[in-house]
Amino acid sequence: MATFFTITLLVSCAGMALLLWLKRYELRTGRVFFAQVRPAVGAFFGGALGWIEHVLPVLVAQQARRAYVWGRAQLRATVAWVIIFAEGLLERTLHVLRRKTNVAHHGEASPFLREVAEHKKKLLEEREDQS
């Protein structure tokens, strides 16, 4: 990479030295290189500069607005998808919880559970009597 930049620097320096030598030659002799071509080249570069200064910024601004609108639409769609996915996940979780907690009672309670319930009732009645 350093070699590339070094070569580019040397070529640039050589080109600048050539331009300075040509300008000095023109000033000494009064002869102008490419005199017929200079107005056309000046008009071309003037038009190109006008396009770069006026048209290109408008195009960039339009594309930036389009990219912003597209990005906002993509963000909305992504957020909506995430919300729908989360809602489905929550619904499935709720369904599983309902299925796990809704145990159907088959038959009567065991004698042990009846005895525990009676004891609990007795304790609650004693507490109410003491109050």
N, C-alpha and C. Protein backbone atom coordinates (compact mmCIF):
# COMPACT_ATOMS: atom_id res chain seq x y z
N MET A 1 0.82 -1.19 0.00
CA MET A 1 0.00 0.00 0.00
C MET A 1 0.87 1.26 0.00
N ALA A 2 1.93 1.22 0.79
CA ALA A 2 2.84 2.37 0.83
C ALA A 2 3.50 2.58 -0.52
N THR A 3 3.78 1.48 -1.23
CA THR A 3 4.39 1.59 -2.56
C THR A 3 3.44 2.31 -3.51
N PHE A 4 2.17 1.95 -3.45
CA PHE A 4 1.18 2.58 -4.32
C PHE A 4 1.12 4.08 -4.06
N PHE A 5 1.05 4.48 -2.79
CA PHE A 5 0.98 5.90 -2.46
C PHE A 5 2.27 6.63 -2.83
N THR A 6 3.39 5.99 -2.69
CA THR A 6 4.67 6.61 -3.07
C THR A 6 4.72 6.84 -4.57
N ILE A 7 4.31 5.84 -5.35
CA ILE A 7 4.29 5.99 -6.81
C ILE A 7 3.31 7.08 -7.22
N THR A 8 2.14 7.10 -6.58
CA THR A 8 1.15 8.14 -6.89
C THR A 8 1.71 9.53 -6.59
N LEU A 9 2.40 9.68 -5.48
CA LEU A 9 3.01 10.96 -5.12
C LEU A 9 4.06 11.38 -6.14
N LEU A 10 4.89 10.43 -6.56
CA LEU A 10 5.92 10.76 -7.54
C LEU A 10 5.32 11.15 -8.88
N VAL A 11 4.29 10.45 -9.33
CA VAL A 11 3.63 10.79 -10.59
C VAL A 11 2.98 12.17 -10.49
N SER A 12 2.36 12.45 -9.33
CA SER A 12 1.74 13.77 -9.13
C SER A 12 2.78 14.87 -9.16
N CYS A 13 3.90 14.64 -8.52
CA CYS A 13 4.97 15.65 -8.51
C CYS A 13 5.52 15.87 -9.92
N ALA A 14 5.69 14.79 -10.67
CA ALA A 14 6.19 14.91 -12.04
C ALA A 14 5.18 15.67 -12.90
N GLY A 15 3.90 15.38 -12.74
CA GLY A 15 2.87 16.10 -13.49
C GLY A 15 2.84 17.58 -13.15
N MET A 16 2.96 17.90 -11.86
CA MET A 16 2.97 19.31 -11.45
C MET A 16 4.20 20.02 -12.00
N ALA A 17 5.35 19.36 -11.99
CA ALA A 17 6.57 19.96 -12.54
C ALA A 17 6.40 20.20 -14.04
N LEU A 18 5.78 19.26 -14.76
CA LEU A 18 5.54 19.42 -16.19
C LEU A 18 4.61 20.61 -16.45
N LEU A 19 3.55 20.74 -15.66
CA LEU A 19 2.62 21.87 -15.83
C LEU A 19 3.33 23.20 -15.58
N LEU A 20 4.14 23.26 -14.55
CA LEU A 20 4.88 24.50 -14.27
C LEU A 20 5.86 24.82 -15.40
N TRP A 21 6.54 23.81 -15.93
CA TRP A 21 7.47 24.04 -17.04
C TRP A 21 6.71 24.54 -18.27
N LEU A 22 5.52 23.91 -18.58
CA LEU A 22 4.74 24.37 -19.73
C LEU A 22 4.26 25.80 -19.54
N LYS A 23 3.82 26.16 -18.36
CA LYS A 23 3.35 27.52 -18.10
C LYS A 23 4.51 28.51 -18.25
N ARG A 24 5.66 28.14 -17.76
CA ARG A 24 6.82 29.02 -17.90
C ARG A 24 7.19 29.19 -19.37
N TYR A 25 7.12 28.10 -20.14
CA TYR A 25 7.41 28.15 -21.58
C TYR A 25 6.41 29.08 -22.28
N GLU A 26 5.09 28.94 -21.92
CA GLU A 26 4.08 29.80 -22.53
C GLU A 26 4.35 31.27 -22.23
N LEU A 27 4.71 31.58 -20.98
CA LEU A 27 4.95 32.97 -20.60
C LEU A 27 6.21 33.54 -21.27
N ARG A 28 7.22 32.72 -21.48
CA ARG A 28 8.45 33.18 -22.11
C ARG A 28 8.26 33.41 -23.60
N THR A 29 7.58 32.48 -24.28
CA THR A 29 7.49 32.56 -25.74
C THR A 29 6.23 33.25 -26.21
N GLY A 30 5.20 33.31 -25.37
CA GLY A 30 3.94 33.90 -25.80
C GLY A 30 3.07 32.92 -26.57
N ARG A 31 3.54 31.72 -26.78
CA ARG A 31 2.79 30.69 -27.50
C ARG A 31 1.93 29.94 -26.48
N VAL A 32 0.62 29.77 -26.79
CA VAL A 32 -0.31 29.10 -25.88
C VAL A 32 -0.58 27.70 -26.41
N PHE A 33 -0.35 26.71 -25.56
CA PHE A 33 -0.65 25.32 -25.93
C PHE A 33 -2.16 25.10 -25.93
N PHE A 34 -2.63 24.36 -26.92
CA PHE A 34 -4.06 23.97 -27.05
C PHE A 34 -4.99 25.19 -26.98
N ALA A 35 -4.66 26.25 -27.69
CA ALA A 35 -5.43 27.49 -27.65
C ALA A 35 -6.85 27.29 -28.17
N GLN A 36 -7.03 26.47 -29.23
CA GLN A 36 -8.38 26.27 -29.78
C GLN A 36 -9.23 25.37 -28.87
N VAL A 37 -8.61 24.51 -28.12
CA VAL A 37 -9.35 23.54 -27.31
C VAL A 37 -9.75 24.12 -25.95
N ARG A 38 -9.04 25.09 -25.46
CA ARG A 38 -9.27 25.60 -24.11
C ARG A 38 -10.69 26.13 -23.88
N PRO A 39 -11.33 26.86 -24.80
CA PRO A 39 -12.71 27.31 -24.54
C PRO A 39 -13.69 26.13 -24.39
N ALA A 40 -13.53 25.10 -25.24
CA ALA A 40 -14.44 23.95 -25.14
C ALA A 40 -14.21 23.19 -23.84
N VAL A 41 -12.96 23.03 -23.47
CA VAL A 41 -12.65 22.33 -22.21
C VAL A 41 -13.17 23.14 -21.03
N GLY A 42 -13.00 24.47 -21.09
CA GLY A 42 -13.51 25.34 -20.02
C GLY A 42 -15.02 25.25 -19.91
N ALA A 43 -15.72 25.24 -21.07
CA ALA A 43 -17.17 25.12 -21.04
C ALA A 43 -17.61 23.77 -20.47
N PHE A 44 -16.89 22.70 -20.88
CA PHE A 44 -17.23 21.37 -20.38
C PHE A 44 -17.08 21.31 -18.86
N PHE A 45 -15.90 21.77 -18.36
CA PHE A 45 -15.68 21.70 -16.92
C PHE A 45 -16.58 22.67 -16.16
N GLY A 46 -16.94 23.81 -16.78
CA GLY A 46 -17.90 24.73 -16.15
C GLY A 46 -19.26 24.08 -16.00
N GLY A 47 -19.71 23.39 -17.06
CA GLY A 47 -20.98 22.68 -16.98
C GLY A 47 -20.94 21.54 -15.97
N ALA A 48 -19.82 20.82 -15.95
CA ALA A 48 -19.68 19.72 -14.99
C ALA A 48 -19.69 20.26 -13.57
N LEU A 49 -19.01 21.37 -13.34
CA LEU A 49 -19.00 21.97 -12.01
C LEU A 49 -20.39 22.46 -11.62
N GLY A 50 -21.11 23.05 -12.57
CA GLY A 50 -22.50 23.47 -12.29
C GLY A 50 -23.38 22.28 -11.94
N TRP A 51 -23.20 21.17 -12.66
CA TRP A 51 -23.98 19.97 -12.37
C TRP A 51 -23.64 19.45 -10.96
N ILE A 52 -22.34 19.45 -10.64
CA ILE A 52 -21.92 18.97 -9.32
C ILE A 52 -22.44 19.88 -8.21
N GLU A 53 -22.48 21.19 -8.47
CA GLU A 53 -22.90 22.13 -7.43
C GLU A 53 -24.40 22.21 -7.26
N HIS A 54 -25.17 22.00 -8.35
CA HIS A 54 -26.62 22.24 -8.27
C HIS A 54 -27.46 20.98 -8.41
N VAL A 55 -27.16 20.15 -9.37
CA VAL A 55 -28.00 18.98 -9.64
C VAL A 55 -27.69 17.83 -8.68
N LEU A 56 -26.43 17.55 -8.47
CA LEU A 56 -26.03 16.43 -7.62
C LEU A 56 -26.56 16.54 -6.19
N PRO A 57 -26.50 17.71 -5.53
CA PRO A 57 -27.06 17.80 -4.17
C PRO A 57 -28.57 17.52 -4.13
N VAL A 58 -29.29 17.95 -5.17
CA VAL A 58 -30.74 17.68 -5.21
C VAL A 58 -30.98 16.18 -5.35
N LEU A 59 -30.21 15.52 -6.21
CA LEU A 59 -30.36 14.07 -6.37
C LEU A 59 -30.02 13.32 -5.08
N VAL A 60 -28.97 13.75 -4.43
CA VAL A 60 -28.58 13.11 -3.17
C VAL A 60 -29.67 13.31 -2.11
N ALA A 61 -30.24 14.52 -2.04
CA ALA A 61 -31.31 14.78 -1.07
C ALA A 61 -32.54 13.92 -1.35
N GLN A 62 -32.90 13.78 -2.63
CA GLN A 62 -34.05 12.95 -2.99
C GLN A 62 -33.81 11.50 -2.60
N GLN A 63 -32.62 10.99 -2.89
CA GLN A 63 -32.32 9.60 -2.54
C GLN A 63 -32.27 9.41 -1.03
N ALA A 64 -31.80 10.42 -0.32
CA ALA A 64 -31.76 10.33 1.15
C ALA A 64 -33.19 10.27 1.71
N ARG A 65 -34.10 11.09 1.14
CA ARG A 65 -35.50 11.04 1.58
C ARG A 65 -36.11 9.68 1.29
N ARG A 66 -35.85 9.16 0.08
CA ARG A 66 -36.39 7.84 -0.27
C ARG A 66 -35.84 6.76 0.65
N ALA A 67 -34.55 6.83 0.97
CA ALA A 67 -33.95 5.85 1.87
C ALA A 67 -34.54 5.96 3.28
N TYR A 68 -34.80 7.19 3.73
CA TYR A 68 -35.41 7.40 5.04
C TYR A 68 -36.81 6.82 5.09
N VAL A 69 -37.61 7.08 4.07
CA VAL A 69 -38.98 6.54 4.03
C VAL A 69 -38.95 5.02 3.97
N TRP A 70 -38.07 4.46 3.16
CA TRP A 70 -37.96 3.00 3.06
C TRP A 70 -37.52 2.40 4.39
N GLY A 71 -36.51 3.01 5.02
CA GLY A 71 -36.03 2.51 6.30
C GLY A 71 -37.09 2.58 7.38
N ARG A 72 -37.86 3.67 7.38
CA ARG A 72 -38.93 3.80 8.36
C ARG A 72 -40.00 2.74 8.15
N ALA A 73 -40.34 2.46 6.89
CA ALA A 73 -41.32 1.41 6.60
C ALA A 73 -40.80 0.04 7.02
N GLN A 74 -39.51 -0.21 6.77
CA GLN A 74 -38.92 -1.48 7.19
C GLN A 74 -38.91 -1.62 8.71
N LEU A 75 -38.62 -0.53 9.40
CA LEU A 75 -38.62 -0.55 10.85
C LEU A 75 -40.01 -0.82 11.39
N ARG A 76 -41.02 -0.16 10.81
CA ARG A 76 -42.40 -0.41 11.24
C ARG A 76 -42.80 -1.85 11.02
N ALA A 77 -42.46 -2.40 9.85
CA ALA A 77 -42.81 -3.79 9.56
C ALA A 77 -42.11 -4.74 10.53
N THR A 78 -40.85 -4.45 10.83
CA THR A 78 -40.11 -5.30 11.76
C THR A 78 -40.71 -5.23 13.17
N VAL A 79 -41.04 -4.03 13.61
CA VAL A 79 -41.65 -3.88 14.94
C VAL A 79 -42.99 -4.60 14.99
N ALA A 80 -43.80 -4.47 13.93
CA ALA A 80 -45.09 -5.16 13.89
C ALA A 80 -44.90 -6.67 13.93
N TRP A 81 -43.91 -7.18 13.20
CA TRP A 81 -43.65 -8.61 13.20
C TRP A 81 -43.22 -9.08 14.60
N VAL A 82 -42.37 -8.31 15.26
CA VAL A 82 -41.92 -8.67 16.60
C VAL A 82 -43.09 -8.67 17.57
N ILE A 83 -43.97 -7.69 17.46
CA ILE A 83 -45.14 -7.62 18.35
C ILE A 83 -46.05 -8.82 18.12
N ILE A 84 -46.30 -9.15 16.86
CA ILE A 84 -47.16 -10.30 16.56
C ILE A 84 -46.51 -11.59 17.05
N PHE A 85 -45.21 -11.74 16.86
CA PHE A 85 -44.51 -12.93 17.33
C PHE A 85 -44.59 -13.03 18.85
N ALA A 86 -44.36 -11.91 19.54
CA ALA A 86 -44.42 -11.91 21.01
C ALA A 86 -45.84 -12.22 21.49
N GLU A 87 -46.83 -11.68 20.79
CA GLU A 87 -48.22 -11.96 21.17
C GLU A 87 -48.53 -13.45 21.02
N GLY A 88 -48.09 -14.04 19.92
CA GLY A 88 -48.29 -15.48 19.74
C GLY A 88 -47.59 -16.29 20.81
N LEU A 89 -46.38 -15.88 21.16
CA LEU A 89 -45.62 -16.57 22.20
C LEU A 89 -46.35 -16.47 23.54
N LEU A 90 -46.86 -15.28 23.85
CA LEU A 90 -47.59 -15.11 25.10
C LEU A 90 -48.89 -15.93 25.11
N GLU A 91 -49.57 -15.98 23.97
CA GLU A 91 -50.80 -16.78 23.90
C GLU A 91 -50.49 -18.26 24.11
N ARG A 92 -49.42 -18.75 23.49
CA ARG A 92 -49.05 -20.16 23.69
C ARG A 92 -48.68 -20.43 25.14
N THR A 93 -47.95 -19.50 25.75
CA THR A 93 -47.58 -19.65 27.15
C THR A 93 -48.81 -19.67 28.05
N LEU A 94 -49.75 -18.76 27.79
CA LEU A 94 -50.99 -18.72 28.56
C LEU A 94 -51.78 -20.01 28.38
N HIS A 95 -51.82 -20.52 27.18
CA HIS A 95 -52.54 -21.78 26.92
C HIS A 95 -51.91 -22.92 27.71
N VAL A 96 -50.57 -22.98 27.71
CA VAL A 96 -49.88 -24.03 28.46
C VAL A 96 -50.14 -23.87 29.96
N LEU A 97 -50.09 -22.63 30.45
CA LEU A 97 -50.36 -22.40 31.88
C LEU A 97 -51.77 -22.80 32.26
N ARG A 98 -52.74 -22.47 31.42
CA ARG A 98 -54.12 -22.86 31.71
C ARG A 98 -54.26 -24.37 31.73
N ARG A 99 -53.61 -25.02 30.79
CA ARG A 99 -53.71 -26.48 30.72
C ARG A 99 -53.06 -27.12 31.95
N LYS A 100 -51.92 -26.54 32.40
CA LYS A 100 -51.23 -27.11 33.55
C LYS A 100 -51.95 -26.84 34.86
N THR A 101 -52.61 -25.69 35.00
CA THR A 101 -53.27 -25.33 36.26
C THR A 101 -54.72 -25.76 36.34
N ASN A 102 -55.33 -26.11 35.25
CA ASN A 102 -56.72 -26.55 35.23
C ASN A 102 -56.77 -28.07 35.35
N VAL A 103 -56.51 -28.56 36.53
CA VAL A 103 -56.52 -30.00 36.74
C VAL A 103 -57.95 -30.42 37.04
N ALA A 104 -58.46 -31.35 36.28
CA ALA A 104 -59.83 -31.84 36.50
C ALA A 104 -59.82 -32.78 37.70
N HIS A 105 -60.78 -32.60 38.59
CA HIS A 105 -60.89 -33.46 39.78
C HIS A 105 -61.72 -34.67 39.42
N HIS A 106 -61.08 -35.79 39.47
CA HIS A 106 -61.79 -37.05 39.19
C HIS A 106 -62.15 -37.69 40.52
N GLY A 107 -63.41 -37.86 40.73
CA GLY A 107 -63.87 -38.51 41.96
C GLY A 107 -63.79 -37.57 43.15
N GLU A 108 -63.85 -38.14 44.35
CA GLU A 108 -63.83 -37.35 45.58
C GLU A 108 -62.41 -37.21 46.09
N ALA A 109 -62.26 -36.29 47.07
CA ALA A 109 -60.96 -36.10 47.68
C ALA A 109 -60.61 -37.29 48.55
N SER A 110 -59.34 -37.49 48.75
CA SER A 110 -58.88 -38.62 49.57
C SER A 110 -59.24 -38.36 51.04
N PRO A 111 -59.29 -39.40 51.85
CA PRO A 111 -59.61 -39.22 53.27
C PRO A 111 -58.61 -38.30 53.96
N PHE A 112 -57.34 -38.35 53.57
CA PHE A 112 -56.34 -37.48 54.18
C PHE A 112 -56.66 -36.02 53.90
N LEU A 113 -57.00 -35.70 52.63
CA LEU A 113 -57.32 -34.30 52.28
C LEU A 113 -58.57 -33.83 53.00
N ARG A 114 -59.56 -34.72 53.17
CA ARG A 114 -60.77 -34.33 53.91
C ARG A 114 -60.41 -34.03 55.37
N GLU A 115 -59.53 -34.82 55.94
CA GLU A 115 -59.13 -34.60 57.32
C GLU A 115 -58.39 -33.28 57.45
N VAL A 116 -57.51 -32.95 56.49
CA VAL A 116 -56.77 -31.68 56.51
C VAL A 116 -57.75 -30.51 56.39
N ALA A 117 -58.75 -30.64 55.50
CA ALA A 117 -59.73 -29.56 55.33
C ALA A 117 -60.53 -29.35 56.61
N GLU A 118 -60.92 -30.42 57.27
CA GLU A 118 -61.67 -30.29 58.52
C GLU A 118 -60.82 -29.63 59.59
N HIS A 119 -59.54 -30.01 59.67
CA HIS A 119 -58.64 -29.41 60.65
C HIS A 119 -58.47 -27.92 60.38
N LYS A 120 -58.33 -27.55 59.12
CA LYS A 120 -58.19 -26.15 58.74
C LYS A 120 -59.43 -25.37 59.14
N LYS A 121 -60.60 -25.95 58.87
CA LYS A 121 -61.85 -25.30 59.24
C LYS A 121 -61.92 -25.08 60.75
N LYS A 122 -61.51 -26.08 61.49
CA LYS A 122 -61.53 -26.01 62.95
C LYS A 122 -60.62 -24.90 63.44
N LEU A 123 -59.40 -24.80 62.85
CA LEU A 123 -58.47 -23.74 63.25
C LEU A 123 -59.03 -22.35 62.94
N LEU A 124 -59.67 -22.20 61.78
CA LEU A 124 -60.26 -20.90 61.41
C LEU A 124 -61.39 -20.53 62.36
N GLU A 125 -62.19 -21.50 62.75
CA GLU A 125 -63.30 -21.20 63.68
C GLU A 125 -62.76 -20.80 65.03
N GLU A 126 -61.69 -21.45 65.48
CA GLU A 126 -61.10 -21.10 66.79
C GLU A 126 -60.53 -19.68 66.75
N ARG A 127 -59.92 -19.32 65.64
CA ARG A 127 -59.36 -17.98 65.50
C ARG A 127 -60.46 -16.92 65.53
N GLU A 128 -61.58 -17.21 64.86
CA GLU A 128 -62.71 -16.27 64.85
C GLU A 128 -63.32 -16.13 66.25
N ASP A 129 -63.35 -17.21 66.99
CA ASP A 129 -63.91 -17.18 68.34
C ASP A 129 -63.02 -16.35 69.28
N GLN A 130 -61.72 -16.40 69.07
CA GLN A 130 -60.80 -15.66 69.93
C GLN A 130 -60.85 -14.17 69.65
N SER A 131 -61.22 -13.77 68.45
CA SER A 131 -61.23 -12.35 68.09
C SER A 131 -62.40 -11.62 68.65
